[in-house]
Amino acid sequence: MTALQKPQITRRAAKSFRRRQLIEAAISSIAKRGLSDTTLAHVSQAAGLSQGIINLHFKNKENLLYETLKFIRQEYEENWQSALAKAPDDPAGKLAALLKSDYKKQVADLKKLAVWFAFWGEAKSRPTYKKICAERVADYSTILEDLLHVLIKEGEYEDIDVTALSEGIVAMADGLWLNLLISSKNFKRNDAEKVMMQYLCQIFPKHKEAFS
Protein backbone atom coordinates (compact mmCIF):
# COMPACT_ATOMS: atom_id res chain seq x y z
CA MET A 1 0.00 0.00 0.00
CA THR A 2 1.39 3.37 -0.97
CA ALA A 3 1.35 6.47 1.21
CA LEU A 4 -1.23 7.94 -1.15
CA GLN A 5 -3.57 4.94 -0.97
CA LYS A 6 -3.69 4.76 2.83
CA PRO A 7 -5.36 8.17 3.41
CA GLN A 8 -7.88 7.36 0.67
CA ILE A 9 -8.88 4.14 2.44
CA THR A 10 -9.09 6.01 5.76
CA ARG A 11 -11.35 8.67 4.25
CA ARG A 12 -13.54 6.00 2.66
CA ALA A 13 -13.91 4.20 6.01
CA ALA A 14 -14.73 7.48 7.74
CA LYS A 15 -17.37 8.30 5.14
CA SER A 16 -18.98 4.87 5.54
CA PHE A 17 -18.94 5.24 9.34
CA ARG A 18 -20.61 8.67 9.18
CA ARG A 19 -23.33 7.45 6.82
CA ARG A 20 -24.06 4.51 9.10
CA GLN A 21 -24.10 6.83 12.12
CA LEU A 22 -26.63 9.12 10.44
CA ILE A 23 -28.83 6.24 9.30
CA GLU A 24 -28.89 4.83 12.83
CA ALA A 25 -29.88 8.27 14.09
CA ALA A 26 -32.62 8.45 11.44
CA ILE A 27 -33.93 5.06 12.59
CA SER A 28 -34.17 6.34 16.16
CA SER A 29 -35.96 9.51 15.11
CA ILE A 30 -38.42 7.77 12.78
CA ALA A 31 -39.23 5.20 15.48
CA LYS A 32 -39.94 8.04 17.91
CA ARG A 33 -41.67 10.58 15.65
CA GLY A 34 -42.62 8.93 12.36
CA LEU A 35 -41.49 9.95 8.88
CA SER A 36 -43.19 13.32 8.46
CA ASP A 37 -42.21 14.70 11.87
CA THR A 38 -38.58 13.63 11.63
CA THR A 39 -36.36 16.56 10.68
CA LEU A 40 -32.70 16.83 9.76
CA ALA A 41 -32.21 18.70 13.03
CA HIS A 42 -33.57 15.69 14.97
CA VAL A 43 -31.22 13.36 13.12
CA SER A 44 -28.14 15.54 13.51
CA GLN A 45 -28.86 15.96 17.22
CA ALA A 46 -29.30 12.21 17.73
CA ALA A 47 -26.07 11.51 15.82
CA GLY A 48 -24.16 14.26 17.62
CA LEU A 49 -23.17 15.75 14.27
CA SER A 50 -23.83 18.99 12.47
CA GLN A 51 -26.70 19.28 10.02
CA GLY A 52 -24.12 20.17 7.39
CA ILE A 53 -22.74 16.63 7.64
CA ILE A 54 -26.18 15.26 6.68
CA ASN A 55 -26.29 17.58 3.68
CA LEU A 56 -22.81 16.42 2.70
CA HIS A 57 -23.72 12.73 2.76
CA PHE A 58 -27.40 12.73 1.76
CA LYS A 59 -28.16 16.19 0.31
CA ASN A 60 -31.65 16.33 1.83
CA LYS A 61 -34.16 14.59 4.10
CA GLU A 62 -35.79 12.57 1.30
CA ASN A 63 -32.48 11.00 0.30
CA LEU A 64 -31.74 10.20 3.94
CA LEU A 65 -35.10 8.47 4.35
CA TYR A 66 -34.62 6.55 1.12
CA GLU A 67 -31.17 5.34 2.16
CA THR A 68 -32.49 4.41 5.61
CA LEU A 69 -35.14 2.20 4.05
CA LYS A 70 -32.54 0.64 1.74
CA PHE A 71 -30.34 -0.04 4.74
CA ILE A 72 -32.93 -1.94 6.77
CA ARG A 73 -34.02 -3.86 3.67
CA GLN A 74 -30.45 -4.98 2.98
CA GLU A 75 -29.91 -5.82 6.62
CA TYR A 76 -33.06 -7.96 6.58
CA GLU A 77 -31.87 -9.87 3.50
CA GLU A 78 -28.39 -10.44 4.88
CA ASN A 79 -29.94 -11.72 8.12
CA TRP A 80 -32.04 -14.49 6.54
CA GLN A 81 -29.32 -15.41 4.06
CA SER A 82 -26.89 -15.88 6.95
CA ALA A 83 -29.44 -18.00 8.83
CA LEU A 84 -29.90 -20.25 5.80
CA ALA A 85 -26.16 -20.65 5.31
CA LYS A 86 -25.84 -21.95 8.89
CA ALA A 87 -28.98 -24.15 8.77
CA PRO A 88 -29.02 -27.97 8.65
CA ASP A 89 -28.91 -29.40 5.14
CA ASP A 90 -32.53 -30.52 5.01
CA PRO A 91 -35.70 -28.69 3.92
CA ALA A 92 -37.39 -28.67 7.35
CA GLY A 93 -34.25 -27.38 9.06
CA LYS A 94 -33.78 -24.68 6.45
CA LEU A 95 -37.43 -23.67 6.63
CA ALA A 96 -37.22 -23.36 10.41
CA ALA A 97 -34.03 -21.29 10.15
CA LEU A 98 -35.52 -19.01 7.50
CA LEU A 99 -38.64 -18.24 9.51
CA LYS A 100 -36.88 -17.98 12.86
CA SER A 101 -34.55 -15.39 11.34
CA ASP A 102 -37.43 -12.88 11.35
CA TYR A 103 -37.17 -12.73 15.14
CA LYS A 104 -33.43 -12.24 15.50
CA LYS A 105 -32.54 -9.19 17.56
CA GLN A 106 -30.83 -7.47 14.64
CA VAL A 107 -34.00 -7.20 12.54
CA ALA A 108 -36.78 -7.54 15.12
CA ASP A 109 -35.46 -4.60 17.12
CA LEU A 110 -38.45 -2.48 18.15
CA LYS A 111 -37.01 0.68 16.59
CA LYS A 112 -36.53 -1.02 13.25
CA LEU A 113 -39.98 -2.58 13.36
CA ALA A 114 -41.43 0.89 13.95
CA VAL A 115 -39.47 2.15 10.94
CA TRP A 116 -40.78 -0.65 8.72
CA PHE A 117 -44.36 0.14 9.65
CA ALA A 118 -43.76 3.84 9.10
CA PHE A 119 -42.55 3.21 5.56
CA TRP A 120 -45.29 0.67 4.86
CA GLY A 121 -47.81 3.34 5.79
CA GLU A 122 -46.39 5.60 3.09
CA ALA A 123 -45.73 2.94 0.45
CA LYS A 124 -49.09 3.24 -1.31
CA SER A 125 -48.45 6.86 -2.28
CA ARG A 126 -44.65 6.63 -2.63
CA PRO A 127 -43.55 4.28 -5.46
CA THR A 128 -39.90 4.35 -4.36
CA TYR A 129 -40.86 3.14 -0.89
CA LYS A 130 -43.28 0.58 -2.30
CA LYS A 131 -40.57 -0.89 -4.54
CA ILE A 132 -38.09 -1.38 -1.73
CA CYS A 133 -40.75 -2.76 0.63
CA ALA A 134 -41.73 -5.28 -2.06
CA GLU A 135 -38.08 -6.22 -2.56
CA ARG A 136 -37.84 -7.10 1.14
CA VAL A 137 -39.80 -10.30 0.63
CA ALA A 138 -39.25 -11.01 -3.08
CA ASP A 139 -36.24 -13.35 -2.84
CA TYR A 140 -37.35 -14.47 0.63
CA SER A 141 -40.70 -15.63 -0.79
CA THR A 142 -39.02 -17.46 -3.65
CA ILE A 143 -36.79 -19.40 -1.26
CA LEU A 144 -39.76 -20.00 1.03
CA GLU A 145 -41.85 -21.51 -1.77
CA ASP A 146 -38.94 -23.68 -2.94
CA LEU A 147 -38.47 -25.08 0.57
CA LEU A 148 -42.19 -25.68 0.95
CA HIS A 149 -42.32 -27.62 -2.34
CA VAL A 150 -39.44 -29.87 -1.29
CA LEU A 151 -40.82 -30.42 2.20
CA ILE A 152 -44.30 -31.27 0.92
CA LYS A 153 -42.82 -33.78 -1.49
CA GLU A 154 -40.55 -35.29 1.15
CA GLY A 155 -43.37 -35.68 3.68
CA GLU A 156 -45.96 -36.69 1.06
CA TYR A 157 -48.33 -34.03 2.34
CA GLU A 158 -51.49 -33.59 0.33
CA ASP A 159 -53.90 -30.78 -0.53
CA ILE A 160 -51.51 -27.94 0.26
CA ASP A 161 -51.55 -24.86 -1.97
CA VAL A 162 -47.92 -23.73 -1.79
CA THR A 163 -48.56 -20.20 -3.03
CA ALA A 164 -51.38 -19.63 -0.56
CA LEU A 165 -49.34 -21.14 2.27
CA SER A 166 -46.32 -19.00 1.44
CA GLU A 167 -48.40 -15.82 1.34
CA GLY A 168 -50.06 -16.79 4.61
CA ILE A 169 -46.70 -17.36 6.31
CA VAL A 170 -45.37 -13.98 5.15
CA ALA A 171 -48.57 -12.28 6.34
CA MET A 172 -48.32 -14.06 9.69
CA ALA A 173 -44.70 -12.98 10.06
CA ASP A 174 -45.67 -9.35 9.47
CA GLY A 175 -48.53 -9.71 11.94
CA LEU A 176 -46.18 -11.10 14.57
CA TRP A 177 -43.89 -8.12 13.99
CA LEU A 178 -46.87 -5.85 14.64
CA ASN A 179 -47.69 -7.71 17.83
CA LEU A 180 -44.08 -7.33 18.97
CA LEU A 181 -44.29 -3.61 18.33
CA ILE A 182 -47.58 -2.89 20.10
CA SER A 183 -47.40 -5.53 22.85
CA SER A 184 -43.68 -5.45 23.61
CA LYS A 185 -44.15 -5.76 27.37
CA ASN A 186 -46.04 -9.05 27.15
CA PHE A 187 -44.99 -10.45 23.77
CA LYS A 188 -41.31 -11.05 23.06
CA ARG A 189 -39.26 -12.27 20.11
CA ASN A 190 -39.14 -15.82 21.43
CA ASP A 191 -42.96 -15.76 21.76
CA ALA A 192 -43.30 -14.76 18.11
CA GLU A 193 -40.90 -17.51 17.06
CA LYS A 194 -42.85 -20.05 19.13
CA VAL A 195 -46.13 -19.07 17.44
CA MET A 196 -44.61 -19.50 13.98
CA MET A 197 -43.01 -22.86 14.81
CA GLN A 198 -46.26 -24.13 16.34
CA TYR A 199 -48.06 -23.21 13.13
CA LEU A 200 -45.53 -25.16 11.09
CA CYS A 201 -45.99 -28.18 13.38
CA GLN A 202 -49.69 -28.16 12.53
CA ILE A 203 -49.05 -27.93 8.79
CA PHE A 204 -46.18 -30.43 8.72
CA PRO A 205 -46.78 -32.90 11.58
CA LYS A 206 -44.24 -35.39 10.21
CA HIS A 207 -41.51 -32.81 10.71
CA LYS A 208 -42.44 -31.57 14.20
CA GLU A 209 -38.95 -32.25 15.52
CA ALA A 210 -37.44 -29.64 13.22
CA PHE A 211 -39.88 -26.99 14.43
CA SER A 212 -39.68 -27.67 18.16
Foldseek 3Di string as FASTA:
>chain_A
DDPVVVVVVVVVVVLVVLLVLLLVLVLQQCLVPFLVPDALVSSCVSSVHDSVNCCVNQVGSVSSLLVSLVVLLVVLVVQLVVQQVPFPPALLRNLLSNLLSLLDCVNLPLSNLSSLVSLVVCCVVDVSSVVSNVVSCPVVLVVNLVSVVRLCVVLVPPDDDSVVVSVVSVVLSNVLSVCCNPVVVVAGSVNSSLVSLVVVCVRRVVPNVSSD
